[in-house]
Amino acid sequence: MEAGIDPTAIADKANRLAEEQAALRRVATLVASSAQPKQVFQLVAEEAGRLLQARTAATVRFDQDTAVVVGSWNDGEGRGIDVGTLVPYSDPDSPVYRVSQEGGRVDDYAEIAGEAARLTRLAGYRSSVMAPITADGRLWGALAVFSATADHFPADAQQRLADFTSLVALALESAEAHDQLTASRARIVEAGVAERRRLERNLHDGAQQRLVTLAVHLRIAQESLRDDPAAAELMLTSVGEDLKLALEELRELARGLHPAVLTDRGLEPALRSLAHRAPFPVEIVGVPATRFEEAVEAAVYYVVAESLTNAAKHADASEARVEISATDGEVVVEISDNGSGGANIDRGAGIRGLVDRIEALGGRLDLTSPLAGGTVVRAALPLGS
């Protein structure tokens, strides 16, 4: 046997790695199953606590200067930390606060001042290690393990916790994406119902009533045709005029569903028609001569239409620019104005509806609108195969 090699130490390290990988695999499997985040919080606390031979482990979410326990485990000997427990971390100068925000370790709470340390000692713990949980680029919370003895945890404990926190972040981001998708679908359904009701109301109050009247007049004309041909002829002339009006109303309804100029002539004439109707100058730049899929062209059209409407109605803009490009398998439209800014995707059904329309086609919409700095709406849509 080669000198200096300890077979027992090698076996122990291999067993530890195997246990760690098994624990991570169990958490990853739960995350992949689209489980509720609270289930992930609970399992992560349990797996991390067992792996590091802790007395207690907790997954916590930060809420301003308070940590809320959202997942908890203990080895059966300690008091544990109940889910829902609130722990104050209000002193930025406290080592406990810094550890909770940045990750790290406290090897002996007997040497730490502050309310958080006092509560930790009161619960029977002497040392801890924490790893931050970052989701969507912001600090969300932390995973913590506690021991009743000082200097309990190994030097690599924080890194081992970090392997679990990355899975928590994935679960949070997946849940957020699922919630956004569910909300988007609900908004699309609601918008569809509202549009159907609008069409029903317009048809009932307009073209339908006119057609019913036409049917009555035609029947009267038919009855008058033999006895009073002149009167019947006058009535048929009137029916013809009313029929023209009914057809015009139906065309107007059709234009509300999809602009005729977009269907017949393409994107550039349709956008120039929007620019012509705008109450301020609108520059149209770079519209490709090629036609896109109907859904893509409609999405681009409505993004421009809604953006120009908002610029005129809410931002008091005096000019705007629309630029379109098609490269790398996608079409990008950018609408900028010199208005008052302050627009927000989460406020206003119009912009929110545009986001849903764009995302339903696999695209994305971004909004930049600083106060007094104008607004830029940018939408990118895939062109398909």
Protein backbone atom coordinates (compact mmCIF):
# COMPACT_ATOMS: atom_id res chain seq x y z
CA MET A 1 0.00 0.00 0.00
CA GLU A 2 1.35 3.43 -0.94
CA ALA A 3 2.56 5.40 2.05
CA GLY A 4 0.39 8.28 3.22
CA ILE A 5 -2.89 6.93 1.76
CA ASP A 6 -5.57 6.17 4.35
CA PRO A 7 -8.08 3.67 2.89
CA THR A 8 -10.58 4.48 5.63
CA ALA A 9 -10.47 8.20 4.87
CA ILE A 10 -10.91 7.51 1.16
CA ALA A 11 -13.89 5.24 1.85
CA ASP A 12 -15.43 7.81 4.20
CA LYS A 13 -15.05 10.54 1.57
CA ALA A 14 -16.59 8.34 -1.11
CA ASN A 15 -19.53 7.50 1.17
CA ARG A 16 -20.03 11.16 2.02
CA LEU A 17 -20.06 12.14 -1.65
CA ALA A 18 -22.50 9.35 -2.45
CA GLU A 19 -24.83 10.47 0.34
CA GLU A 20 -24.60 14.07 -0.80
CA GLN A 21 -25.36 13.19 -4.43
CA ALA A 22 -28.30 11.03 -3.35
CA ALA A 23 -29.71 13.89 -1.26
CA LEU A 24 -29.32 16.38 -4.11
CA ARG A 25 -30.91 13.90 -6.52
CA ARG A 26 -33.96 13.53 -4.27
CA VAL A 27 -34.42 17.30 -4.13
CA ALA A 28 -33.83 17.69 -7.88
CA THR A 29 -36.42 14.99 -8.59
CA LEU A 30 -38.97 16.82 -6.45
CA VAL A 31 -38.23 20.12 -8.19
CA ALA A 32 -38.54 18.46 -11.62
CA SER A 33 -41.97 17.12 -10.66
CA SER A 34 -43.25 20.72 -10.41
CA ALA A 35 -43.97 20.26 -6.70
CA GLN A 36 -45.21 23.15 -4.62
CA PRO A 37 -42.31 25.33 -3.35
CA LYS A 38 -43.27 24.63 0.28
CA GLN A 39 -42.58 20.93 -0.33
CA VAL A 40 -39.15 21.80 -1.70
CA PHE A 41 -38.42 24.11 1.26
CA GLN A 42 -39.24 21.27 3.64
CA LEU A 43 -37.23 18.58 1.85
CA VAL A 44 -34.20 20.84 1.41
CA ALA A 45 -34.13 21.58 5.14
CA GLU A 46 -34.37 17.88 5.94
CA GLU A 47 -31.74 16.72 3.45
CA ALA A 48 -29.27 19.48 4.38
CA GLY A 49 -29.79 18.90 8.10
CA ARG A 50 -29.22 15.15 7.86
CA LEU A 51 -26.25 15.50 5.52
CA LEU A 52 -24.41 17.93 7.81
CA GLN A 53 -25.50 16.12 11.00
CA ALA A 54 -27.19 19.24 12.30
CA ARG A 55 -29.53 19.50 15.26
CA THR A 56 -31.93 21.70 13.24
CA ALA A 57 -32.16 23.03 9.69
CA ALA A 58 -34.40 25.73 8.26
CA THR A 59 -35.26 27.32 4.95
CA VAL A 60 -36.06 30.99 5.52
CA ARG A 61 -37.49 33.76 3.35
CA PHE A 62 -36.43 37.35 3.98
CA ASP A 63 -39.14 39.95 4.36
CA GLN A 64 -37.51 43.35 4.90
CA ASP A 65 -35.75 43.03 8.29
CA THR A 66 -37.37 39.72 9.26
CA ALA A 67 -36.67 36.12 8.33
CA VAL A 68 -39.72 33.87 8.01
CA VAL A 69 -39.18 30.13 8.41
CA VAL A 70 -40.78 28.33 5.43
CA GLY A 71 -39.22 24.88 5.85
CA SER A 72 -37.93 23.17 8.99
CA TRP A 73 -36.35 19.92 10.18
CA ASN A 74 -34.79 18.72 13.45
CA ASP A 75 -33.14 15.51 14.55
CA GLY A 76 -35.75 14.80 17.24
CA GLU A 77 -33.55 15.90 20.10
CA GLY A 78 -33.69 19.68 19.72
CA ARG A 79 -36.62 22.08 19.95
CA GLY A 80 -36.63 22.73 16.23
CA ILE A 81 -37.88 25.89 14.55
CA ASP A 82 -41.52 25.85 13.58
CA VAL A 83 -42.59 26.87 10.09
CA GLY A 84 -43.96 30.40 10.30
CA THR A 85 -41.51 31.52 13.00
CA LEU A 86 -40.38 35.12 12.56
CA VAL A 87 -36.75 35.92 13.35
CA PRO A 88 -35.63 39.59 13.48
CA TYR A 89 -32.49 40.53 11.58
CA SER A 90 -32.71 44.30 11.88
CA ASP A 91 -29.13 45.21 12.82
CA PRO A 92 -26.88 45.50 9.73
CA ASP A 93 -23.81 45.62 12.00
CA SER A 94 -24.61 42.26 13.54
CA PRO A 95 -22.50 39.29 12.36
CA VAL A 96 -25.70 37.24 12.33
CA TYR A 97 -27.27 39.72 9.91
CA ARG A 98 -24.24 39.63 7.61
CA VAL A 99 -24.17 35.85 7.62
CA SER A 100 -27.89 35.68 6.83
CA GLN A 101 -27.51 38.06 3.88
CA GLU A 102 -24.17 36.94 2.46
CA GLY A 103 -23.77 33.40 3.72
CA GLY A 104 -21.11 32.19 6.11
CA ARG A 105 -20.81 30.64 9.53
CA VAL A 106 -21.03 31.40 13.22
CA ASP A 107 -18.89 28.94 15.16
CA ASP A 108 -19.97 30.08 18.63
CA TYR A 109 -23.02 32.21 19.39
CA ALA A 110 -21.71 32.77 22.91
CA GLU A 111 -19.39 35.38 21.40
CA ILE A 112 -22.11 37.16 19.37
CA ALA A 113 -24.21 40.07 20.59
CA GLY A 114 -27.68 41.03 19.41
CA GLU A 115 -31.28 39.81 19.57
CA ALA A 116 -30.93 37.19 16.85
CA ALA A 117 -27.95 35.62 18.63
CA ARG A 118 -29.78 35.73 21.96
CA LEU A 119 -32.78 33.92 20.49
CA THR A 120 -30.48 31.36 18.90
CA ARG A 121 -28.74 30.64 22.22
CA LEU A 122 -32.11 30.50 23.98
CA ALA A 123 -33.20 27.80 21.53
CA GLY A 124 -30.12 25.75 22.50
CA TYR A 125 -27.86 26.32 19.49
CA ARG A 126 -24.17 27.22 19.59
CA SER A 127 -23.13 27.29 15.90
CA SER A 128 -24.65 27.62 12.46
CA VAL A 129 -23.89 27.84 8.76
CA MET A 130 -26.02 29.70 6.21
CA ALA A 131 -26.06 29.91 2.42
CA PRO A 132 -28.08 32.61 0.63
CA ILE A 133 -30.88 31.76 -1.79
CA THR A 134 -30.89 34.02 -4.83
CA ALA A 135 -33.78 33.84 -7.30
CA ASP A 136 -34.22 36.00 -10.40
CA GLY A 137 -31.11 37.96 -9.48
CA ARG A 138 -32.27 39.05 -6.03
CA LEU A 139 -31.71 37.76 -2.51
CA TRP A 140 -34.77 35.74 -1.57
CA GLY A 141 -33.75 33.95 1.64
CA ALA A 142 -31.28 31.47 3.08
CA LEU A 143 -30.76 27.85 4.02
CA ALA A 144 -29.40 27.42 7.54
CA VAL A 145 -28.21 24.53 9.70
CA PHE A 146 -27.75 24.75 13.48
CA SER A 147 -25.87 22.67 16.04
CA ALA A 148 -25.94 22.49 19.81
CA THR A 149 -22.13 22.43 19.91
CA ALA A 150 -19.59 25.06 18.91
CA ASP A 151 -17.39 24.57 15.83
CA HIS A 152 -19.59 21.71 14.73
CA PHE A 153 -19.70 22.07 10.95
CA PRO A 154 -16.91 21.19 8.48
CA ALA A 155 -15.07 23.87 6.51
CA ASP A 156 -16.94 23.13 3.28
CA ALA A 157 -20.41 23.24 4.86
CA GLN A 158 -21.45 26.49 3.18
CA GLN A 159 -20.55 25.21 -0.29
CA ARG A 160 -22.48 22.02 0.34
CA LEU A 161 -25.50 24.07 1.38
CA ALA A 162 -25.12 26.16 -1.78
CA ASP A 163 -25.74 23.05 -3.88
CA PHE A 164 -29.17 22.83 -2.25
CA THR A 165 -29.94 26.54 -2.50
CA SER A 166 -29.48 26.47 -6.27
CA LEU A 167 -32.25 23.86 -6.43
CA VAL A 168 -34.48 26.03 -4.22
CA ALA A 169 -33.89 28.94 -6.61
CA LEU A 170 -34.84 26.72 -9.54
CA ALA A 171 -38.05 25.70 -7.78
CA LEU A 172 -38.92 29.34 -7.06
CA GLU A 173 -38.26 30.44 -10.63
CA SER A 174 -40.24 27.50 -12.03
CA ALA A 175 -43.18 28.30 -9.75
CA GLU A 176 -43.03 31.97 -10.77
CA ALA A 177 -42.97 31.03 -14.45
CA HIS A 178 -45.90 28.67 -13.91
CA ASP A 179 -47.87 31.38 -12.11
CA GLN A 180 -47.16 33.87 -14.89
CA LEU A 181 -48.22 31.33 -17.52
CA THR A 182 -51.42 30.55 -15.62
CA ALA A 183 -52.21 34.25 -15.22
CA SER A 184 -51.45 34.87 -18.89
CA ARG A 185 -53.78 32.07 -19.97
CA ALA A 186 -56.51 33.43 -17.72
CA ARG A 187 -56.11 36.91 -19.19
CA ILE A 188 -56.23 35.52 -22.73
CA VAL A 189 -59.41 33.62 -21.93
CA GLU A 190 -60.97 36.69 -20.30
CA ALA A 191 -59.97 38.85 -23.25
CA GLY A 192 -61.51 36.33 -25.62
CA VAL A 193 -64.75 36.29 -23.67
CA ALA A 194 -64.86 40.10 -23.55
CA GLU A 195 -64.19 40.33 -27.28
CA ARG A 196 -66.88 37.76 -28.05
CA ARG A 197 -69.40 39.73 -25.98
CA ARG A 198 -68.39 42.95 -27.73
CA LEU A 199 -68.95 41.36 -31.12
CA GLU A 200 -72.27 39.88 -30.02
CA ARG A 201 -73.39 43.29 -28.77
CA ASN A 202 -72.27 45.09 -31.91
CA LEU A 203 -73.87 42.51 -34.17
CA HIS A 204 -77.10 42.55 -32.18
CA ASP A 205 -77.36 46.33 -31.96
CA GLY A 206 -76.15 47.04 -35.48
CA ALA A 207 -76.03 44.70 -38.45
CA GLN A 208 -78.41 42.11 -36.99
CA GLN A 209 -81.16 44.63 -36.33
CA ARG A 210 -80.70 46.12 -39.78
CA LEU A 211 -80.92 42.69 -41.42
CA VAL A 212 -84.07 41.83 -39.48
CA THR A 213 -85.62 45.09 -40.71
CA LEU A 214 -84.54 44.27 -44.26
CA ALA A 215 -86.23 40.89 -44.05
CA VAL A 216 -89.48 42.54 -42.95
CA HIS A 217 -89.28 45.13 -45.75
CA LEU A 218 -88.60 42.44 -48.35
CA ARG A 219 -91.63 40.49 -47.22
CA ILE A 220 -93.79 43.63 -47.45
CA ALA A 221 -92.37 44.41 -50.90
CA GLN A 222 -93.13 40.89 -52.03
CA GLU A 223 -96.72 41.22 -50.85
CA SER A 224 -97.01 44.62 -52.60
CA LEU A 225 -95.43 43.55 -55.84
CA ARG A 226 -98.68 42.39 -57.50
CA ASP A 227 -101.06 45.07 -56.20
CA ASP A 228 -98.74 48.11 -56.17
CA PRO A 229 -95.56 47.53 -58.22
CA ALA A 230 -94.46 51.17 -57.89
CA ALA A 231 -94.55 51.06 -54.10
CA ALA A 232 -92.77 47.73 -54.14
CA GLU A 233 -90.04 49.20 -56.37
CA LEU A 234 -89.50 52.12 -54.01
CA MET A 235 -89.31 49.76 -51.07
CA LEU A 236 -86.81 47.53 -52.86
CA THR A 237 -84.68 50.59 -53.63
CA SER A 238 -84.72 51.47 -49.91
CA VAL A 239 -83.86 47.87 -49.03
CA GLY A 240 -80.87 48.06 -51.36
CA GLU A 241 -79.56 51.16 -49.59
CA ASP A 242 -80.07 49.55 -46.20
CA LEU A 243 -78.27 46.44 -47.40
CA LYS A 244 -75.25 48.56 -48.36
CA LEU A 245 -75.21 50.04 -44.85
CA ALA A 246 -75.44 46.57 -43.28
CA LEU A 247 -72.51 45.38 -45.36
CA GLU A 248 -70.49 48.44 -44.34
CA GLU A 249 -71.19 47.74 -40.66
CA LEU A 250 -70.02 44.16 -41.10
CA ARG A 251 -66.85 45.39 -42.81
CA GLU A 252 -66.19 47.72 -39.88
CA LEU A 253 -66.54 44.81 -37.48
CA ALA A 254 -64.14 42.77 -39.60
CA ARG A 255 -61.61 45.62 -39.56
CA GLY A 256 -61.78 45.59 -35.77
CA LEU A 257 -60.76 41.95 -35.81
CA HIS A 258 -57.99 42.31 -38.36
CA PRO A 259 -57.09 45.42 -40.37
CA ALA A 260 -57.96 44.93 -44.03
CA VAL A 261 -54.90 46.89 -45.19
CA LEU A 262 -52.64 44.52 -43.25
CA THR A 263 -54.18 41.48 -44.92
CA ASP A 264 -54.29 42.95 -48.40
CA ARG A 265 -51.11 45.01 -48.63
CA GLY A 266 -48.78 43.99 -45.80
CA LEU A 267 -47.05 45.41 -42.79
CA GLU A 268 -45.52 48.64 -44.12
CA PRO A 269 -48.76 50.13 -45.56
CA ALA A 270 -50.61 49.10 -42.38
CA LEU A 271 -48.04 50.80 -40.15
CA ARG A 272 -47.99 53.92 -42.31
CA SER A 273 -51.77 54.02 -41.96
CA LEU A 274 -51.33 54.00 -38.17
CA ALA A 275 -48.69 56.72 -38.41
CA HIS A 276 -50.99 58.85 -40.57
CA ARG A 277 -53.77 58.64 -37.95
CA ALA A 278 -51.46 59.47 -35.03
CA PRO A 279 -51.77 63.02 -33.59
CA PHE A 280 -47.99 63.56 -33.88
CA PRO A 281 -45.26 62.76 -36.44
CA VAL A 282 -44.28 59.08 -36.53
CA GLU A 283 -41.14 57.92 -38.36
CA ILE A 284 -41.33 54.39 -39.82
CA VAL A 285 -37.92 52.78 -40.41
CA GLY A 286 -36.66 49.49 -41.81
CA VAL A 287 -39.87 47.55 -42.46
CA PRO A 288 -38.84 44.43 -44.44
CA ALA A 289 -40.45 43.99 -47.84
CA THR A 290 -41.06 40.28 -47.20
CA ARG A 291 -44.34 39.08 -45.71
CA PHE A 292 -44.37 37.25 -42.39
CA GLU A 293 -46.85 34.79 -40.96
CA GLU A 294 -50.25 36.35 -40.40
CA ALA A 295 -50.03 35.98 -36.60
CA VAL A 296 -46.59 37.64 -36.52
CA GLU A 297 -47.71 40.55 -38.68
CA ALA A 298 -50.82 41.04 -36.56
CA ALA A 299 -48.75 41.00 -33.36
CA VAL A 300 -46.33 43.62 -34.73
CA TYR A 301 -49.24 45.77 -35.91
CA TYR A 302 -51.01 45.71 -32.55
CA VAL A 303 -47.81 46.39 -30.60
CA VAL A 304 -47.26 49.51 -32.69
CA ALA A 305 -50.93 50.53 -32.49
CA GLU A 306 -51.10 50.16 -28.69
CA SER A 307 -47.76 51.90 -28.18
CA LEU A 308 -48.75 54.90 -30.30
CA THR A 309 -52.14 55.09 -28.58
CA ASN A 310 -50.48 55.08 -25.15
CA ALA A 311 -47.93 57.69 -26.24
CA ALA A 312 -50.74 60.00 -27.32
CA LYS A 313 -53.23 59.26 -24.56
CA HIS A 314 -51.03 58.92 -21.49
CA ALA A 315 -47.54 60.27 -22.23
CA ASP A 316 -48.28 63.54 -24.05
CA ALA A 317 -45.67 62.64 -26.67
CA SER A 318 -44.97 64.97 -29.61
CA GLU A 319 -43.15 62.46 -31.82
CA ALA A 320 -42.43 58.76 -32.11
CA ARG A 321 -40.26 56.36 -34.09
CA VAL A 322 -41.03 52.80 -35.21
CA GLU A 323 -38.11 50.64 -36.31
CA ILE A 324 -38.39 47.04 -37.51
CA SER A 325 -35.69 44.53 -38.39
CA ALA A 326 -35.68 40.84 -39.23
CA THR A 327 -32.46 38.96 -38.46
CA ASP A 328 -31.38 35.68 -36.90
CA GLY A 329 -34.77 34.07 -37.25
CA GLU A 330 -36.78 36.76 -35.51
CA VAL A 331 -38.48 40.04 -36.21
CA VAL A 332 -37.85 42.88 -33.79
CA VAL A 333 -40.03 45.98 -33.52
CA GLU A 334 -39.05 48.95 -31.37
CA ILE A 335 -41.33 51.90 -30.72
CA SER A 336 -39.85 54.94 -28.99
CA ASP A 337 -41.47 58.23 -28.05
CA ASN A 338 -40.44 61.45 -26.32
CA GLY A 339 -43.32 61.46 -23.84
CA SER A 340 -43.42 61.69 -20.07
CA GLY A 341 -42.47 58.05 -19.44
CA GLY A 342 -43.49 56.18 -16.31
CA ALA A 343 -45.26 53.34 -18.16
CA ASN A 344 -45.44 49.96 -16.43
CA ILE A 345 -46.18 46.54 -17.91
CA ASP A 346 -48.10 45.55 -14.78
CA ARG A 347 -50.43 48.55 -15.06
CA GLY A 348 -52.89 48.76 -17.88
CA ALA A 349 -54.72 45.99 -19.66
CA GLY A 350 -53.48 47.14 -23.07
CA ILE A 351 -49.76 46.55 -22.47
CA ARG A 352 -50.45 43.40 -20.45
CA GLY A 353 -52.52 42.07 -23.32
CA LEU A 354 -49.65 42.76 -25.71
CA VAL A 355 -47.28 40.78 -23.48
CA ASP A 356 -49.68 37.84 -23.54
CA ARG A 357 -50.06 38.06 -27.33
CA ILE A 358 -46.28 38.19 -27.85
CA GLU A 359 -45.48 35.42 -25.37
CA ALA A 360 -48.19 33.18 -26.85
CA LEU A 361 -46.16 33.29 -30.09
CA GLY A 362 -42.92 32.46 -28.27
CA GLY A 363 -41.66 36.03 -28.23
CA ARG A 364 -40.83 38.57 -25.57
CA LEU A 365 -41.73 42.18 -24.88
CA ASP A 366 -39.62 44.66 -22.90
CA LEU A 367 -40.57 48.12 -21.70
CA THR A 368 -38.18 50.93 -20.72
CA SER A 369 -39.95 54.03 -19.46
CA PRO A 370 -38.10 56.27 -17.01
CA LEU A 371 -40.00 59.25 -15.69
CA ALA A 372 -39.61 62.25 -18.03
CA GLY A 373 -37.40 60.09 -20.23
CA GLY A 374 -39.76 58.81 -22.88
CA THR A 375 -40.81 55.21 -23.47
CA VAL A 376 -39.28 52.41 -25.52
CA VAL A 377 -41.34 49.30 -26.26
CA ARG A 378 -39.35 46.45 -27.80
CA ALA A 379 -40.91 43.21 -28.98
CA ALA A 380 -39.09 40.25 -30.53
CA LEU A 381 -40.96 37.44 -32.29
CA PRO A 382 -39.60 34.19 -33.75
CA LEU A 383 -40.18 33.78 -37.47
CA GLY A 384 -40.46 29.99 -37.27
CA SER A 385 -38.78 27.47 -39.48
